[in-house]
N, C-alpha and C. Protein backbone atom coordinates (compact mmCIF):
# COMPACT_ATOMS: atom_id res chain seq x y z
N UNK A 1 153.36 55.85 126.09
CA UNK A 1 153.49 56.60 124.85
C UNK A 1 152.10 57.05 124.41
N UNK A 2 151.90 58.36 124.16
CA UNK A 2 150.58 58.83 123.79
C UNK A 2 150.19 58.34 122.41
N UNK A 3 148.89 58.07 122.24
CA UNK A 3 148.43 57.62 120.92
C UNK A 3 148.29 58.83 120.01
N UNK A 4 148.55 58.63 118.76
CA UNK A 4 148.52 59.72 117.79
C UNK A 4 147.23 59.65 117.01
N UNK A 5 146.57 60.80 116.85
CA UNK A 5 145.33 60.87 116.09
C UNK A 5 145.65 60.68 114.61
N UNK A 6 145.16 59.62 113.99
CA UNK A 6 145.48 59.37 112.58
C UNK A 6 144.87 60.40 111.64
N UNK A 7 143.90 61.18 112.12
CA UNK A 7 143.25 62.18 111.27
C UNK A 7 143.74 63.59 111.54
N UNK A 8 144.72 63.73 112.43
CA UNK A 8 145.28 65.06 112.74
C UNK A 8 146.11 65.54 111.55
N UNK A 9 146.10 66.84 111.34
CA UNK A 9 146.89 67.42 110.25
C UNK A 9 148.37 67.24 110.55
N UNK A 10 149.16 66.90 109.54
CA UNK A 10 150.60 66.72 109.76
C UNK A 10 151.26 68.07 110.06
N UNK A 11 152.37 68.03 110.76
CA UNK A 11 153.12 69.25 111.06
C UNK A 11 153.80 69.79 109.81
N UNK A 12 154.36 70.99 109.88
CA UNK A 12 154.97 71.61 108.70
C UNK A 12 156.21 70.89 108.19
N UNK A 13 156.80 70.04 109.02
CA UNK A 13 158.00 69.31 108.59
C UNK A 13 157.74 67.83 108.31
N UNK A 14 156.47 67.42 108.39
CA UNK A 14 156.14 66.02 108.12
C UNK A 14 156.23 65.76 106.62
N UNK A 15 157.12 64.86 106.23
CA UNK A 15 157.33 64.54 104.82
C UNK A 15 156.23 63.59 104.36
N UNK A 16 155.20 64.14 103.70
CA UNK A 16 154.03 63.35 103.37
C UNK A 16 153.68 63.31 101.88
N UNK A 17 154.19 64.25 101.08
CA UNK A 17 153.79 64.33 99.67
C UNK A 17 154.79 63.65 98.76
N UNK A 18 154.28 62.77 97.89
CA UNK A 18 155.15 62.16 96.88
C UNK A 18 155.48 63.21 95.84
N UNK A 19 156.46 62.94 95.00
CA UNK A 19 156.95 63.96 94.06
C UNK A 19 155.87 64.43 93.09
N UNK A 20 155.00 63.54 92.66
CA UNK A 20 153.96 63.95 91.70
C UNK A 20 152.99 64.94 92.36
N UNK A 21 152.65 64.72 93.62
CA UNK A 21 151.75 65.63 94.34
C UNK A 21 152.46 66.95 94.60
N UNK A 22 153.72 66.89 94.99
CA UNK A 22 154.49 68.11 95.22
C UNK A 22 154.59 68.93 93.93
N UNK A 23 154.80 68.27 92.81
CA UNK A 23 154.88 68.96 91.53
C UNK A 23 153.54 69.62 91.21
N UNK A 24 152.46 68.93 91.44
CA UNK A 24 151.14 69.49 91.17
C UNK A 24 150.84 70.68 92.10
N UNK A 25 151.19 70.55 93.36
CA UNK A 25 150.93 71.62 94.33
C UNK A 25 151.74 72.88 94.04
N UNK A 26 152.91 72.72 93.44
CA UNK A 26 153.78 73.87 93.19
C UNK A 26 153.71 74.37 91.75
N UNK A 27 153.13 73.58 90.86
CA UNK A 27 153.09 73.96 89.46
C UNK A 27 154.41 73.75 88.74
N UNK A 28 155.27 72.96 89.33
CA UNK A 28 156.58 72.66 88.74
C UNK A 28 156.60 71.24 88.21
N UNK A 29 157.46 70.98 87.26
CA UNK A 29 157.63 69.64 86.72
C UNK A 29 158.43 68.80 87.72
N UNK A 30 158.13 67.51 87.85
CA UNK A 30 158.90 66.65 88.76
C UNK A 30 160.41 66.70 88.51
N UNK A 31 160.80 66.82 87.24
CA UNK A 31 162.23 66.89 86.93
C UNK A 31 162.84 68.18 87.50
N UNK A 32 162.07 69.25 87.54
CA UNK A 32 162.54 70.51 88.13
C UNK A 32 162.77 70.32 89.63
N UNK A 33 161.87 69.58 90.28
CA UNK A 33 162.05 69.30 91.71
C UNK A 33 163.33 68.51 91.94
N UNK A 34 163.59 67.54 91.07
CA UNK A 34 164.83 66.75 91.20
C UNK A 34 166.06 67.64 91.00
N UNK A 35 165.97 68.56 90.04
CA UNK A 35 167.08 69.48 89.77
C UNK A 35 167.33 70.37 90.97
N UNK A 36 166.26 70.92 91.55
CA UNK A 36 166.41 71.77 92.74
C UNK A 36 167.04 70.99 93.89
N UNK A 37 166.69 69.72 93.99
CA UNK A 37 167.30 68.88 95.04
C UNK A 37 168.79 68.69 94.74
N UNK A 38 169.12 68.40 93.51
CA UNK A 38 170.51 68.18 93.12
C UNK A 38 171.34 69.45 93.36
N UNK A 39 170.73 70.63 93.18
CA UNK A 39 171.42 71.91 93.39
C UNK A 39 171.48 72.30 94.86
N UNK A 40 170.80 71.53 95.72
CA UNK A 40 170.83 71.80 97.15
C UNK A 40 169.84 72.85 97.62
N UNK A 41 168.88 73.22 96.76
CA UNK A 41 167.89 74.22 97.15
C UNK A 41 166.78 73.63 98.02
N UNK A 42 166.62 72.33 97.94
CA UNK A 42 165.57 71.64 98.69
C UNK A 42 166.09 70.26 99.07
N UNK A 43 165.68 69.78 100.22
CA UNK A 43 166.11 68.45 100.65
C UNK A 43 164.89 67.69 101.16
N UNK A 44 164.20 66.98 100.27
CA UNK A 44 163.02 66.25 100.72
C UNK A 44 163.41 65.05 101.57
N UNK A 45 162.44 64.58 102.37
CA UNK A 45 162.67 63.37 103.14
C UNK A 45 162.72 62.17 102.20
N UNK A 46 163.11 61.06 102.73
CA UNK A 46 163.19 59.83 101.93
C UNK A 46 162.49 58.69 102.65
N UNK A 47 161.88 57.84 101.88
CA UNK A 47 161.29 56.63 102.45
C UNK A 47 162.40 55.59 102.58
N UNK A 48 162.07 54.47 103.20
CA UNK A 48 163.05 53.39 103.33
C UNK A 48 163.53 52.90 101.97
N UNK A 49 162.68 52.97 100.97
CA UNK A 49 163.04 52.54 99.63
C UNK A 49 163.69 53.62 98.79
N UNK A 50 163.85 54.82 99.36
CA UNK A 50 164.54 55.90 98.65
C UNK A 50 163.62 56.89 97.94
N UNK A 51 162.29 56.69 98.03
CA UNK A 51 161.37 57.63 97.38
C UNK A 51 161.35 58.97 98.09
N UNK A 52 161.19 60.02 97.32
CA UNK A 52 161.14 61.37 97.89
C UNK A 52 159.79 61.63 98.55
N UNK A 53 159.85 62.34 99.68
CA UNK A 53 158.63 62.77 100.35
C UNK A 53 158.82 64.24 100.75
N UNK A 54 157.89 65.08 100.33
CA UNK A 54 157.98 66.51 100.57
C UNK A 54 157.04 66.92 101.71
N UNK A 55 157.51 67.84 102.52
CA UNK A 55 156.71 68.36 103.63
C UNK A 55 155.98 69.63 103.19
N UNK A 56 154.99 70.06 103.96
CA UNK A 56 154.36 71.36 103.65
C UNK A 56 155.38 72.51 103.62
N UNK A 57 156.39 72.45 104.48
CA UNK A 57 157.43 73.48 104.46
C UNK A 57 158.23 73.40 103.15
N UNK A 58 158.49 72.18 102.66
CA UNK A 58 159.18 72.01 101.37
C UNK A 58 158.33 72.60 100.24
N UNK A 59 157.03 72.40 100.29
CA UNK A 59 156.12 72.92 99.26
C UNK A 59 156.20 74.45 99.26
N UNK A 60 156.17 75.05 100.45
CA UNK A 60 156.29 76.51 100.54
C UNK A 60 157.61 76.98 99.95
N UNK A 61 158.69 76.28 100.26
CA UNK A 61 160.02 76.64 99.75
C UNK A 61 160.04 76.53 98.22
N UNK A 62 159.45 75.46 97.69
CA UNK A 62 159.41 75.29 96.23
C UNK A 62 158.60 76.39 95.56
N UNK A 63 157.50 76.80 96.18
CA UNK A 63 156.70 77.91 95.63
C UNK A 63 157.51 79.21 95.66
N UNK A 64 158.27 79.42 96.71
CA UNK A 64 159.10 80.62 96.80
C UNK A 64 160.17 80.61 95.70
N UNK A 65 160.79 79.46 95.50
CA UNK A 65 161.80 79.33 94.44
C UNK A 65 161.17 79.62 93.09
N UNK A 66 159.97 79.06 92.86
CA UNK A 66 159.28 79.29 91.59
C UNK A 66 158.95 80.77 91.39
N UNK A 67 158.50 81.44 92.45
CA UNK A 67 158.21 82.87 92.35
C UNK A 67 159.47 83.67 92.02
N UNK A 68 160.57 83.34 92.68
CA UNK A 68 161.81 84.07 92.45
C UNK A 68 162.33 83.86 91.03
N UNK A 69 162.32 82.61 90.58
CA UNK A 69 162.84 82.34 89.23
C UNK A 69 161.93 82.94 88.16
N UNK A 70 160.61 82.94 88.41
CA UNK A 70 159.70 83.51 87.41
C UNK A 70 159.82 85.03 87.34
N UNK A 71 160.37 85.64 88.40
CA UNK A 71 160.57 87.10 88.36
C UNK A 71 161.94 87.46 87.77
N UNK A 72 162.67 86.44 87.28
CA UNK A 72 163.92 86.70 86.58
C UNK A 72 165.18 86.50 87.39
N UNK A 73 165.06 86.00 88.60
CA UNK A 73 166.25 85.79 89.43
C UNK A 73 166.85 84.43 89.08
N UNK A 74 168.15 84.40 88.87
CA UNK A 74 168.84 83.16 88.53
C UNK A 74 168.97 82.24 89.74
N UNK A 75 169.34 81.00 89.48
CA UNK A 75 169.43 79.99 90.54
C UNK A 75 170.43 80.41 91.62
N UNK A 76 171.57 80.98 91.24
CA UNK A 76 172.54 81.41 92.26
C UNK A 76 171.97 82.55 93.10
N UNK A 77 171.21 83.43 92.48
CA UNK A 77 170.54 84.50 93.22
C UNK A 77 169.51 83.93 94.18
N UNK A 78 168.76 82.94 93.72
CA UNK A 78 167.77 82.26 94.56
C UNK A 78 168.48 81.61 95.74
N UNK A 79 169.58 80.94 95.47
CA UNK A 79 170.33 80.27 96.53
C UNK A 79 170.77 81.29 97.59
N UNK A 80 171.26 82.44 97.13
CA UNK A 80 171.73 83.48 98.06
C UNK A 80 170.56 84.07 98.87
N UNK A 81 169.44 84.31 98.22
CA UNK A 81 168.25 84.83 98.91
C UNK A 81 167.79 83.85 99.97
N UNK A 82 167.72 82.58 99.64
CA UNK A 82 167.29 81.56 100.61
C UNK A 82 168.27 81.48 101.77
N UNK A 83 169.56 81.56 101.46
CA UNK A 83 170.59 81.53 102.51
C UNK A 83 170.43 82.72 103.46
N UNK A 84 170.20 83.90 102.90
CA UNK A 84 170.03 85.10 103.73
C UNK A 84 168.74 85.03 104.55
N UNK A 85 167.68 84.48 103.96
CA UNK A 85 166.44 84.31 104.72
C UNK A 85 166.65 83.35 105.89
N UNK A 86 167.35 82.26 105.64
CA UNK A 86 167.64 81.30 106.72
C UNK A 86 168.47 81.95 107.82
N UNK A 87 169.45 82.75 107.42
CA UNK A 87 170.29 83.44 108.40
C UNK A 87 169.46 84.43 109.22
N UNK A 88 168.56 85.15 108.56
CA UNK A 88 167.71 86.12 109.26
C UNK A 88 166.81 85.42 110.27
N UNK A 89 166.26 84.28 109.90
CA UNK A 89 165.41 83.51 110.82
C UNK A 89 166.23 83.03 112.01
N UNK A 90 167.43 82.51 111.74
CA UNK A 90 168.30 82.04 112.83
C UNK A 90 168.69 83.18 113.76
N UNK A 91 168.99 84.35 113.20
CA UNK A 91 169.35 85.50 114.03
C UNK A 91 168.16 85.98 114.86
N UNK A 92 166.97 85.94 114.28
CA UNK A 92 165.77 86.35 115.03
C UNK A 92 165.54 85.40 116.20
N UNK A 93 165.71 84.10 115.96
CA UNK A 93 165.56 83.12 117.06
C UNK A 93 166.60 83.37 118.15
N UNK A 94 167.83 83.60 117.75
CA UNK A 94 168.90 83.84 118.73
C UNK A 94 168.62 85.12 119.52
N UNK A 95 168.12 86.13 118.83
CA UNK A 95 167.78 87.38 119.50
C UNK A 95 166.69 87.14 120.55
N UNK A 96 165.69 86.35 120.22
CA UNK A 96 164.64 86.02 121.19
C UNK A 96 165.22 85.29 122.39
N UNK A 97 166.13 84.36 122.14
CA UNK A 97 166.78 83.63 123.25
C UNK A 97 167.56 84.59 124.14
N UNK A 98 168.31 85.49 123.52
CA UNK A 98 169.11 86.44 124.29
C UNK A 98 168.23 87.41 125.08
N UNK A 99 167.13 87.84 124.50
CA UNK A 99 166.21 88.73 125.22
C UNK A 99 165.61 88.01 126.43
N UNK A 100 165.25 86.75 126.27
CA UNK A 100 164.71 85.97 127.39
C UNK A 100 165.77 85.80 128.47
N UNK A 101 167.00 85.53 128.06
CA UNK A 101 168.10 85.37 129.02
C UNK A 101 168.36 86.69 129.75
N UNK A 102 168.33 87.79 129.01
CA UNK A 102 168.53 89.11 129.61
C UNK A 102 167.44 89.41 130.63
N UNK A 103 166.20 89.12 130.31
CA UNK A 103 165.11 89.37 131.24
C UNK A 103 165.24 88.50 132.48
N UNK A 104 165.65 87.26 132.31
CA UNK A 104 165.85 86.37 133.47
C UNK A 104 166.98 86.90 134.35
N UNK A 105 168.05 87.40 133.73
CA UNK A 105 169.17 87.96 134.49
C UNK A 105 168.73 89.21 135.24
N UNK A 106 167.96 90.06 134.58
CA UNK A 106 167.46 91.26 135.25
C UNK A 106 166.57 90.91 136.44
N UNK A 107 165.71 89.91 136.26
CA UNK A 107 164.83 89.49 137.35
C UNK A 107 165.65 88.96 138.53
N UNK A 108 166.67 88.16 138.24
CA UNK A 108 167.53 87.63 139.30
C UNK A 108 168.28 88.76 140.00
N UNK A 109 168.73 89.75 139.23
CA UNK A 109 169.43 90.88 139.83
C UNK A 109 168.49 91.70 140.72
N UNK A 110 167.26 91.94 140.24
CA UNK A 110 166.28 92.66 141.07
C UNK A 110 166.03 91.91 142.37
N UNK A 111 165.91 90.60 142.28
CA UNK A 111 165.67 89.77 143.47
C UNK A 111 166.88 89.86 144.42
N UNK A 112 168.09 89.80 143.89
CA UNK A 112 169.29 89.87 144.72
C UNK A 112 169.41 91.24 145.38
N UNK A 113 169.10 92.30 144.64
CA UNK A 113 169.18 93.65 145.21
C UNK A 113 168.15 93.81 146.31
N UNK A 114 166.95 93.31 146.09
CA UNK A 114 165.90 93.39 147.11
C UNK A 114 166.32 92.62 148.36
N UNK A 115 166.85 91.44 148.19
CA UNK A 115 167.31 90.63 149.32
C UNK A 115 168.45 91.34 150.04
N UNK A 116 169.37 91.92 149.31
CA UNK A 116 170.51 92.63 149.90
C UNK A 116 170.05 93.83 150.72
N UNK A 117 169.07 94.56 150.19
CA UNK A 117 168.56 95.74 150.89
C UNK A 117 167.89 95.38 152.21
N UNK A 118 167.28 94.22 152.27
CA UNK A 118 166.58 93.83 153.49
C UNK A 118 167.51 93.22 154.52
N UNK A 119 168.71 92.78 154.11
CA UNK A 119 169.61 92.11 155.05
C UNK A 119 170.81 92.94 155.44
N UNK A 120 171.10 94.04 154.71
CA UNK A 120 172.29 94.85 154.98
C UNK A 120 171.85 96.30 155.17
N UNK A 121 172.47 96.96 156.10
CA UNK A 121 172.21 98.38 156.33
C UNK A 121 172.47 99.14 155.03
N UNK A 122 171.61 100.10 154.62
CA UNK A 122 171.75 100.74 153.32
C UNK A 122 173.04 101.53 153.14
N UNK A 123 173.69 102.02 154.22
CA UNK A 123 174.90 102.83 154.07
C UNK A 123 176.17 102.06 154.33
N UNK A 124 176.09 100.78 154.50
CA UNK A 124 177.29 100.00 154.80
C UNK A 124 177.48 98.92 153.74
N UNK A 125 178.69 98.76 153.36
CA UNK A 125 179.04 97.69 152.43
C UNK A 125 179.51 96.49 153.24
N UNK A 126 179.36 95.29 152.69
CA UNK A 126 179.86 94.13 153.41
C UNK A 126 181.38 94.24 153.58
N UNK A 127 181.87 93.80 154.70
CA UNK A 127 183.30 93.88 154.98
C UNK A 127 184.02 92.70 154.33
N UNK A 128 185.12 93.00 153.67
CA UNK A 128 185.93 91.97 153.05
C UNK A 128 187.19 91.80 153.86
N UNK A 129 187.56 90.61 154.15
CA UNK A 129 188.78 90.34 154.91
C UNK A 129 189.79 89.71 153.97
N UNK A 130 191.02 90.19 154.01
CA UNK A 130 192.05 89.59 153.15
C UNK A 130 192.35 88.16 153.61
N UNK A 131 192.75 87.34 152.65
CA UNK A 131 193.03 85.95 152.98
C UNK A 131 194.41 85.77 153.59
N UNK A 132 195.32 86.76 153.43
CA UNK A 132 196.64 86.70 154.07
C UNK A 132 197.06 88.12 154.44
N UNK A 133 197.97 88.27 155.39
CA UNK A 133 198.35 89.59 155.89
C UNK A 133 199.00 90.49 154.83
N UNK A 134 199.63 89.92 153.80
CA UNK A 134 200.32 90.76 152.83
C UNK A 134 199.40 91.29 151.72
N UNK A 135 198.11 90.95 151.75
CA UNK A 135 197.16 91.46 150.77
C UNK A 135 196.42 92.64 151.38
N UNK A 136 196.04 93.57 150.52
CA UNK A 136 195.26 94.69 151.03
C UNK A 136 193.96 94.78 150.25
N UNK A 137 192.95 95.33 150.90
CA UNK A 137 191.63 95.49 150.30
C UNK A 137 191.22 96.94 150.47
N UNK A 138 190.72 97.55 149.42
CA UNK A 138 190.22 98.91 149.49
C UNK A 138 188.71 98.84 149.48
N UNK A 139 188.08 99.50 150.44
CA UNK A 139 186.62 99.52 150.51
C UNK A 139 186.18 100.96 150.29
N UNK A 140 185.34 101.17 149.34
CA UNK A 140 184.82 102.50 149.06
C UNK A 140 183.45 102.63 149.69
N UNK A 141 183.22 103.75 150.29
CA UNK A 141 181.89 104.01 150.87
C UNK A 141 181.26 105.15 150.11
N UNK A 142 179.95 105.04 149.96
CA UNK A 142 179.21 106.12 149.31
C UNK A 142 179.16 107.33 150.23
N UNK A 143 179.22 108.51 149.65
CA UNK A 143 179.09 109.74 150.44
C UNK A 143 177.66 109.90 150.94
N UNK A 144 177.52 110.57 152.01
CA UNK A 144 176.18 110.74 152.58
C UNK A 144 175.45 111.88 151.94
């Protein structure tokens, strides 16, 4: 098991800030943070004893909520905006996965076509034989 550098910066999802620090970093009252948690807008980590711990990503989310509410957007509007942002991020990730899969499929197809061209005469298709006498197979040939 690799040793972890105790002085390395925590990742964006590492729950490291207690509620008072999170409140100070966001400019919100601790009770507001509890309310946002109760409304499901934020889900901080928990210690074994039940204390809240906020991650840098949670702090960013709380700042975004504060910006939206200070511009006059209600909590339900904030909830919908956050939901749509999450959906957009998920769709972007899925799109990246599909593009990578498409490129891998194209590469495999190019490789198969190249292999086929080197092993089969260019004007002949592979011959298919029926598995029983009562079946028929139609083979189309390209015109010259």
